N, C-alpha and C. Protein backbone atom coordinates (compact mmCIF):
# COMPACT_ATOMS: atom_id res chain seq x y z
N MET A 1 92.95 -25.51 105.92
CA MET A 1 92.64 -24.50 104.92
C MET A 1 92.46 -25.18 103.57
N ASN A 2 91.37 -24.92 102.89
CA ASN A 2 91.10 -25.51 101.58
C ASN A 2 91.84 -24.77 100.49
N SER A 3 92.30 -25.54 99.51
CA SER A 3 92.84 -24.92 98.31
C SER A 3 91.66 -24.41 97.49
N GLN A 4 91.90 -23.44 96.63
CA GLN A 4 90.83 -22.94 95.78
C GLN A 4 91.32 -22.90 94.35
N ILE A 5 90.46 -23.33 93.44
CA ILE A 5 90.74 -23.27 92.01
C ILE A 5 89.66 -22.40 91.41
N SER A 6 90.05 -21.37 90.70
CA SER A 6 89.06 -20.52 90.07
C SER A 6 89.46 -20.26 88.64
N GLY A 7 88.53 -19.73 87.89
CA GLY A 7 88.77 -19.45 86.49
C GLY A 7 87.55 -19.82 85.68
N ARG A 8 87.66 -19.67 84.39
CA ARG A 8 86.50 -19.90 83.53
C ARG A 8 86.29 -21.36 83.20
N CYS A 9 87.35 -22.12 83.10
CA CYS A 9 87.22 -23.51 82.68
C CYS A 9 88.32 -24.33 83.33
N THR A 10 88.04 -25.59 83.62
CA THR A 10 89.05 -26.49 84.14
C THR A 10 89.21 -27.67 83.20
N ASN A 11 90.16 -28.52 83.50
CA ASN A 11 90.36 -29.71 82.68
C ASN A 11 89.16 -30.63 82.78
N LEU A 12 88.79 -31.22 81.66
CA LEU A 12 87.75 -32.25 81.68
C LEU A 12 88.33 -33.51 82.31
N ILE A 13 89.54 -33.82 81.94
CA ILE A 13 90.19 -35.01 82.44
C ILE A 13 91.10 -34.60 83.58
N LEU A 14 90.88 -35.16 84.72
CA LEU A 14 91.64 -34.81 85.90
C LEU A 14 92.77 -35.82 86.06
N PRO A 15 93.99 -35.42 85.71
CA PRO A 15 95.10 -36.36 85.87
C PRO A 15 95.38 -36.59 87.34
N GLN A 16 96.32 -37.43 87.62
CA GLN A 16 96.66 -37.76 88.99
C GLN A 16 96.64 -36.51 89.84
N VAL A 17 95.70 -36.44 90.74
CA VAL A 17 95.54 -35.25 91.59
C VAL A 17 96.28 -35.48 92.89
N ALA A 18 97.53 -35.18 92.89
CA ALA A 18 98.38 -35.19 94.07
C ALA A 18 97.79 -35.92 95.27
N THR A 19 97.85 -37.20 95.22
CA THR A 19 97.51 -38.02 96.38
C THR A 19 98.67 -38.95 96.62
N ARG A 20 98.55 -39.79 97.58
CA ARG A 20 99.63 -40.75 97.82
C ARG A 20 99.42 -42.01 96.99
N THR A 21 98.51 -42.00 96.04
CA THR A 21 98.23 -43.18 95.23
C THR A 21 99.49 -43.71 94.57
N HIS A 22 100.33 -42.82 94.05
CA HIS A 22 101.55 -43.25 93.39
C HIS A 22 102.79 -42.84 94.17
N SER A 23 102.67 -42.71 95.46
CA SER A 23 103.80 -42.29 96.27
C SER A 23 104.64 -43.50 96.64
N ARG A 24 105.70 -43.23 97.40
CA ARG A 24 106.56 -44.32 97.88
C ARG A 24 105.76 -45.35 98.65
N ASP A 25 104.75 -44.90 99.40
CA ASP A 25 103.96 -45.84 100.19
C ASP A 25 103.24 -46.85 99.32
N ALA A 26 102.84 -46.44 98.13
CA ALA A 26 102.06 -47.32 97.26
C ALA A 26 102.94 -48.14 96.31
N MET A 27 104.18 -47.77 96.18
CA MET A 27 105.06 -48.47 95.25
C MET A 27 105.47 -49.82 95.82
N ALA A 28 105.65 -50.78 94.95
CA ALA A 28 106.12 -52.09 95.36
C ALA A 28 107.52 -51.97 95.93
N LEU A 29 107.84 -52.84 96.85
CA LEU A 29 109.16 -52.81 97.50
C LEU A 29 110.28 -52.84 96.47
N ARG A 30 110.17 -53.65 95.46
CA ARG A 30 111.21 -53.75 94.42
C ARG A 30 111.40 -52.41 93.71
N ALA A 31 110.30 -51.75 93.42
CA ALA A 31 110.37 -50.45 92.75
C ALA A 31 110.99 -49.41 93.67
N ARG A 32 110.61 -49.42 94.95
CA ARG A 32 111.18 -48.47 95.91
C ARG A 32 112.68 -48.66 96.05
N ASN A 33 113.11 -49.92 96.11
CA ASN A 33 114.55 -50.20 96.22
C ASN A 33 115.29 -49.72 94.98
N HIS A 34 114.72 -49.95 93.82
CA HIS A 34 115.35 -49.50 92.57
C HIS A 34 115.44 -47.98 92.55
N LEU A 35 114.39 -47.31 92.97
CA LEU A 35 114.39 -45.85 93.02
C LEU A 35 115.45 -45.34 93.99
N ARG A 36 115.54 -45.95 95.14
CA ARG A 36 116.53 -45.54 96.14
C ARG A 36 117.96 -45.75 95.62
N ASN A 37 118.19 -46.86 94.93
CA ASN A 37 119.55 -47.19 94.46
C ASN A 37 119.97 -46.40 93.24
N THR A 38 119.04 -46.09 92.36
CA THR A 38 119.40 -45.45 91.09
C THR A 38 118.87 -44.03 90.94
N GLY A 39 117.89 -43.65 91.76
CA GLY A 39 117.29 -42.32 91.63
C GLY A 39 116.20 -42.24 90.58
N LEU A 40 115.98 -43.35 89.89
CA LEU A 40 114.98 -43.37 88.82
C LEU A 40 114.32 -44.74 88.75
N TYR A 41 113.01 -44.73 88.65
CA TYR A 41 112.28 -45.97 88.42
C TYR A 41 111.41 -45.76 87.19
N LEU A 42 111.48 -46.68 86.26
CA LEU A 42 110.64 -46.62 85.06
C LEU A 42 109.44 -47.53 85.26
N GLU A 43 108.30 -46.89 85.55
CA GLU A 43 107.08 -47.65 85.79
C GLU A 43 106.47 -48.05 84.45
N PRO A 44 106.29 -49.35 84.23
CA PRO A 44 105.72 -49.79 82.94
C PRO A 44 104.36 -49.17 82.68
N SER A 45 104.09 -48.93 81.41
CA SER A 45 102.81 -48.36 80.99
C SER A 45 102.19 -49.24 79.93
N ASN A 46 100.90 -49.36 79.97
CA ASN A 46 100.17 -50.09 78.94
C ASN A 46 99.94 -49.24 77.70
N TYR A 47 100.40 -48.00 77.74
CA TYR A 47 100.04 -47.05 76.69
C TYR A 47 101.24 -46.44 75.98
N GLY A 48 102.40 -47.04 76.11
CA GLY A 48 103.57 -46.50 75.42
C GLY A 48 104.79 -46.54 76.32
N GLU A 49 105.56 -45.48 76.27
CA GLU A 49 106.81 -45.39 77.04
C GLU A 49 106.51 -45.48 78.54
N PRO A 50 107.46 -46.03 79.30
CA PRO A 50 107.25 -46.10 80.76
C PRO A 50 107.26 -44.70 81.38
N TYR A 51 106.62 -44.59 82.54
CA TYR A 51 106.61 -43.34 83.28
C TYR A 51 107.90 -43.23 84.08
N GLU A 52 108.56 -42.09 84.01
CA GLU A 52 109.78 -41.86 84.78
C GLU A 52 109.39 -41.35 86.17
N ILE A 53 109.71 -42.13 87.20
CA ILE A 53 109.43 -41.77 88.58
C ILE A 53 110.76 -41.49 89.25
N THR A 54 110.92 -40.29 89.78
CA THR A 54 112.14 -39.92 90.49
C THR A 54 111.80 -39.60 91.94
N ALA A 55 112.81 -39.64 92.79
CA ALA A 55 112.60 -39.27 94.19
C ALA A 55 112.15 -37.81 94.28
N ARG A 56 112.68 -36.97 93.41
CA ARG A 56 112.31 -35.56 93.42
C ARG A 56 110.82 -35.39 93.06
N LEU A 57 110.35 -36.16 92.08
CA LEU A 57 108.93 -36.11 91.70
C LEU A 57 108.05 -36.48 92.89
N LEU A 58 108.41 -37.54 93.59
CA LEU A 58 107.61 -37.98 94.74
C LEU A 58 107.67 -36.96 95.87
N ALA A 59 108.84 -36.39 96.11
CA ALA A 59 108.96 -35.38 97.16
C ALA A 59 108.13 -34.15 96.82
N ASP A 60 108.17 -33.74 95.55
CA ASP A 60 107.37 -32.60 95.11
C ASP A 60 105.88 -32.90 95.28
N GLY A 61 105.47 -34.10 94.94
CA GLY A 61 104.07 -34.50 95.09
C GLY A 61 103.60 -34.43 96.53
N GLU A 62 104.49 -34.76 97.46
CA GLU A 62 104.14 -34.69 98.88
C GLU A 62 103.81 -33.26 99.31
N GLN A 63 104.34 -32.28 98.60
CA GLN A 63 104.08 -30.88 98.91
C GLN A 63 102.76 -30.37 98.31
N HIS A 64 102.13 -31.19 97.49
CA HIS A 64 100.92 -30.76 96.78
C HIS A 64 99.79 -31.78 96.92
N LEU A 65 99.55 -32.23 98.12
CA LEU A 65 98.49 -33.20 98.37
C LEU A 65 97.15 -32.48 98.46
N LEU A 66 96.60 -32.13 97.31
CA LEU A 66 95.39 -31.31 97.24
C LEU A 66 94.18 -31.94 97.89
N LEU A 67 94.05 -33.24 97.79
CA LEU A 67 92.83 -33.88 98.27
C LEU A 67 92.80 -34.03 99.78
N ARG A 68 93.92 -33.88 100.42
CA ARG A 68 93.98 -34.03 101.88
C ARG A 68 93.06 -33.04 102.58
N ASP A 69 93.11 -31.77 102.15
CA ASP A 69 92.33 -30.72 102.80
C ASP A 69 91.09 -30.32 102.02
N GLY A 70 90.93 -30.87 100.83
CA GLY A 70 89.80 -30.50 99.99
C GLY A 70 90.15 -29.32 99.10
N VAL A 71 89.37 -29.16 98.06
CA VAL A 71 89.61 -28.10 97.08
C VAL A 71 88.28 -27.43 96.76
N GLN A 72 88.22 -26.12 96.92
CA GLN A 72 87.05 -25.34 96.54
C GLN A 72 87.19 -24.97 95.06
N VAL A 73 86.21 -25.29 94.26
CA VAL A 73 86.23 -24.93 92.84
C VAL A 73 84.98 -24.12 92.52
N ASP A 74 85.16 -23.06 91.73
CA ASP A 74 84.01 -22.24 91.36
C ASP A 74 83.75 -22.33 89.87
N VAL A 75 84.26 -23.38 89.26
CA VAL A 75 84.03 -23.65 87.84
C VAL A 75 83.46 -25.06 87.72
N PRO A 76 82.78 -25.35 86.61
CA PRO A 76 82.26 -26.70 86.43
C PRO A 76 83.39 -27.73 86.35
N VAL A 77 83.19 -28.86 87.01
CA VAL A 77 84.15 -29.96 86.97
C VAL A 77 83.41 -31.23 86.55
N ARG A 78 83.97 -31.94 85.61
CA ARG A 78 83.40 -33.21 85.17
C ARG A 78 84.47 -34.28 85.29
N ILE A 79 84.16 -35.34 86.03
CA ILE A 79 85.06 -36.48 86.16
C ILE A 79 84.38 -37.66 85.49
N LEU A 80 85.04 -38.24 84.51
CA LEU A 80 84.53 -39.43 83.83
C LEU A 80 85.46 -40.58 84.20
N GLN A 81 84.90 -41.65 84.75
CA GLN A 81 85.72 -42.74 85.28
C GLN A 81 85.15 -44.09 84.86
N GLY A 82 85.99 -44.93 84.27
CA GLY A 82 85.58 -46.27 83.88
C GLY A 82 85.72 -47.27 85.01
N THR A 83 84.80 -48.21 85.07
CA THR A 83 84.85 -49.24 86.11
C THR A 83 85.96 -50.26 85.87
N GLU A 84 86.44 -50.35 84.64
CA GLU A 84 87.49 -51.32 84.31
C GLU A 84 88.84 -50.64 84.09
N ASP A 85 89.03 -49.47 84.66
CA ASP A 85 90.27 -48.72 84.53
C ASP A 85 91.34 -49.37 85.40
N ASP A 86 92.39 -49.91 84.77
CA ASP A 86 93.48 -50.55 85.50
C ASP A 86 94.50 -49.55 86.03
N GLU A 87 94.44 -48.31 85.57
CA GLU A 87 95.41 -47.30 85.98
C GLU A 87 94.91 -46.46 87.16
N VAL A 88 93.65 -46.10 87.13
CA VAL A 88 93.06 -45.26 88.18
C VAL A 88 91.81 -45.96 88.70
N PRO A 89 91.84 -46.42 89.94
CA PRO A 89 90.68 -47.13 90.47
C PRO A 89 89.48 -46.20 90.67
N VAL A 90 88.30 -46.76 90.60
CA VAL A 90 87.07 -46.00 90.82
C VAL A 90 87.12 -45.31 92.18
N ALA A 91 87.69 -45.98 93.17
CA ALA A 91 87.77 -45.39 94.51
C ALA A 91 88.54 -44.06 94.49
N HIS A 92 89.53 -43.93 93.62
CA HIS A 92 90.29 -42.68 93.53
C HIS A 92 89.41 -41.57 92.93
N ALA A 93 88.61 -41.92 91.93
CA ALA A 93 87.71 -40.93 91.34
C ALA A 93 86.69 -40.46 92.38
N ILE A 94 86.20 -41.38 93.17
CA ILE A 94 85.23 -41.03 94.22
C ILE A 94 85.90 -40.14 95.28
N LYS A 95 87.13 -40.48 95.64
CA LYS A 95 87.87 -39.67 96.62
C LYS A 95 88.08 -38.25 96.07
N THR A 96 88.42 -38.16 94.80
CA THR A 96 88.60 -36.85 94.17
C THR A 96 87.29 -36.08 94.18
N PHE A 97 86.20 -36.72 93.78
CA PHE A 97 84.88 -36.11 93.77
C PHE A 97 84.50 -35.60 95.16
N ASP A 98 84.73 -36.43 96.17
CA ASP A 98 84.39 -36.05 97.54
C ASP A 98 85.22 -34.87 98.04
N ALA A 99 86.44 -34.73 97.55
CA ALA A 99 87.33 -33.66 98.00
C ALA A 99 87.02 -32.31 97.35
N LEU A 100 86.27 -32.33 96.26
CA LEU A 100 85.96 -31.09 95.55
C LEU A 100 84.68 -30.47 96.09
N SER A 101 84.75 -29.20 96.42
CA SER A 101 83.57 -28.46 96.88
C SER A 101 83.28 -27.38 95.86
N GLY A 102 82.06 -27.33 95.42
CA GLY A 102 81.66 -26.30 94.46
C GLY A 102 80.25 -26.55 94.00
N PRO A 103 79.69 -25.59 93.30
CA PRO A 103 78.29 -25.69 92.90
C PRO A 103 78.02 -26.62 91.73
N ASP A 104 79.07 -27.05 91.00
CA ASP A 104 78.82 -27.83 89.79
C ASP A 104 79.92 -28.85 89.57
N VAL A 105 79.91 -29.89 90.40
CA VAL A 105 80.88 -30.97 90.31
C VAL A 105 80.13 -32.26 90.05
N THR A 106 80.50 -32.96 88.97
CA THR A 106 79.80 -34.18 88.59
C THR A 106 80.80 -35.32 88.38
N LEU A 107 80.45 -36.48 88.89
CA LEU A 107 81.22 -37.70 88.66
C LEU A 107 80.35 -38.65 87.87
N THR A 108 80.85 -39.11 86.73
CA THR A 108 80.14 -40.09 85.92
C THR A 108 80.96 -41.37 85.90
N ILE A 109 80.37 -42.45 86.40
CA ILE A 109 81.02 -43.76 86.39
C ILE A 109 80.53 -44.50 85.14
N VAL A 110 81.46 -44.92 84.30
CA VAL A 110 81.13 -45.58 83.04
C VAL A 110 81.35 -47.08 83.20
N LYS A 111 80.25 -47.82 83.25
CA LYS A 111 80.31 -49.27 83.42
C LYS A 111 81.07 -49.88 82.25
N GLY A 112 82.10 -50.66 82.56
CA GLY A 112 82.89 -51.33 81.54
C GLY A 112 83.97 -50.45 80.91
N GLY A 113 84.02 -49.19 81.28
CA GLY A 113 85.00 -48.28 80.70
C GLY A 113 86.40 -48.55 81.22
N ASP A 114 87.39 -48.54 80.32
CA ASP A 114 88.77 -48.70 80.74
C ASP A 114 89.43 -47.33 80.89
N HIS A 115 90.73 -47.30 81.00
CA HIS A 115 91.44 -46.05 81.24
C HIS A 115 91.26 -45.06 80.10
N ARG A 116 91.15 -45.56 78.90
CA ARG A 116 91.08 -44.67 77.73
C ARG A 116 89.66 -44.22 77.39
N LEU A 117 88.65 -44.90 77.87
CA LEU A 117 87.27 -44.58 77.50
C LEU A 117 87.19 -44.33 75.98
N SER A 118 87.45 -45.37 75.20
CA SER A 118 87.63 -45.18 73.76
C SER A 118 86.65 -45.92 72.86
N THR A 119 85.59 -46.50 73.42
CA THR A 119 84.58 -47.09 72.54
C THR A 119 83.77 -45.95 71.92
N PRO A 120 83.06 -46.21 70.83
CA PRO A 120 82.26 -45.14 70.23
C PRO A 120 81.29 -44.48 71.21
N THR A 121 80.63 -45.27 72.05
CA THR A 121 79.69 -44.71 73.02
C THR A 121 80.43 -43.85 74.06
N GLN A 122 81.59 -44.32 74.51
CA GLN A 122 82.36 -43.56 75.50
C GLN A 122 82.93 -42.28 74.89
N LEU A 123 83.38 -42.34 73.64
CA LEU A 123 83.87 -41.15 72.98
C LEU A 123 82.76 -40.12 72.80
N LYS A 124 81.55 -40.60 72.51
CA LYS A 124 80.40 -39.69 72.40
C LYS A 124 80.12 -39.02 73.74
N LEU A 125 80.22 -39.77 74.82
CA LEU A 125 80.03 -39.20 76.15
C LEU A 125 81.06 -38.10 76.41
N ILE A 126 82.32 -38.35 76.08
CA ILE A 126 83.37 -37.35 76.26
C ILE A 126 83.06 -36.11 75.42
N CYS A 127 82.74 -36.33 74.14
CA CYS A 127 82.44 -35.19 73.26
C CYS A 127 81.24 -34.40 73.76
N ASP A 128 80.17 -35.10 74.13
CA ASP A 128 78.98 -34.41 74.64
C ASP A 128 79.30 -33.60 75.90
N THR A 129 80.13 -34.17 76.76
CA THR A 129 80.51 -33.48 78.00
C THR A 129 81.29 -32.21 77.69
N VAL A 130 82.27 -32.32 76.79
CA VAL A 130 83.08 -31.15 76.42
C VAL A 130 82.21 -30.09 75.75
N LEU A 131 81.37 -30.51 74.82
CA LEU A 131 80.52 -29.55 74.12
C LEU A 131 79.55 -28.86 75.06
N ASN A 132 78.99 -29.61 76.00
CA ASN A 132 78.09 -29.01 76.97
C ASN A 132 78.79 -27.95 77.80
N LEU A 133 80.00 -28.23 78.23
CA LEU A 133 80.76 -27.24 78.99
C LEU A 133 81.11 -26.03 78.13
N ALA A 134 81.48 -26.28 76.86
CA ALA A 134 81.84 -25.17 75.96
C ALA A 134 80.63 -24.29 75.70
N GLU A 135 79.45 -24.90 75.49
CA GLU A 135 78.23 -24.13 75.24
C GLU A 135 77.91 -23.24 76.44
N ARG A 136 78.09 -23.77 77.63
CA ARG A 136 77.82 -22.99 78.84
C ARG A 136 78.82 -21.86 78.99
N ALA A 137 80.06 -22.10 78.59
CA ALA A 137 81.10 -21.10 78.77
C ALA A 137 80.97 -19.94 77.79
N ASP A 138 80.61 -20.23 76.53
CA ASP A 138 80.59 -19.15 75.53
C ASP A 138 79.22 -18.89 74.92
N GLY A 139 78.21 -19.66 75.33
CA GLY A 139 76.86 -19.40 74.85
C GLY A 139 76.58 -19.83 73.43
N VAL A 140 77.51 -20.53 72.79
CA VAL A 140 77.33 -20.99 71.41
C VAL A 140 76.90 -22.45 71.43
N ASN A 141 75.88 -22.79 70.65
CA ASN A 141 75.46 -24.18 70.53
C ASN A 141 76.32 -24.86 69.47
N TYR A 142 76.92 -26.00 69.86
CA TYR A 142 77.78 -26.75 68.95
C TYR A 142 77.06 -27.94 68.38
């Protein structure tokens, strides 16, 4: 049975969409042992404070594996993915794209783009994408 997402607008940026990418299976043995012994693993981040990973978080994630069965969406979805993203591999963006069914789902691969997509050209792409979706949603040209 497919999950369904409906509504007027969805997130432009699709955060970790409940897959096993960051599950116990994907964690390094040292991290898994630390999690088992302490109940908490602080995954280092290149962008600030470490991510707090708990056994409860992983167990909850196992209950929401959206991409396993696919997701029907009836709203526009835009996925912007950099080829140099060290946090989310391009293969994950493609897997997410393939799992989404709907009339208006687009995946844009940005050559050289990192996780933040923060060069002037990449920021313009993000702004243009958001504005295009907003114009379609409310009929106002921005």
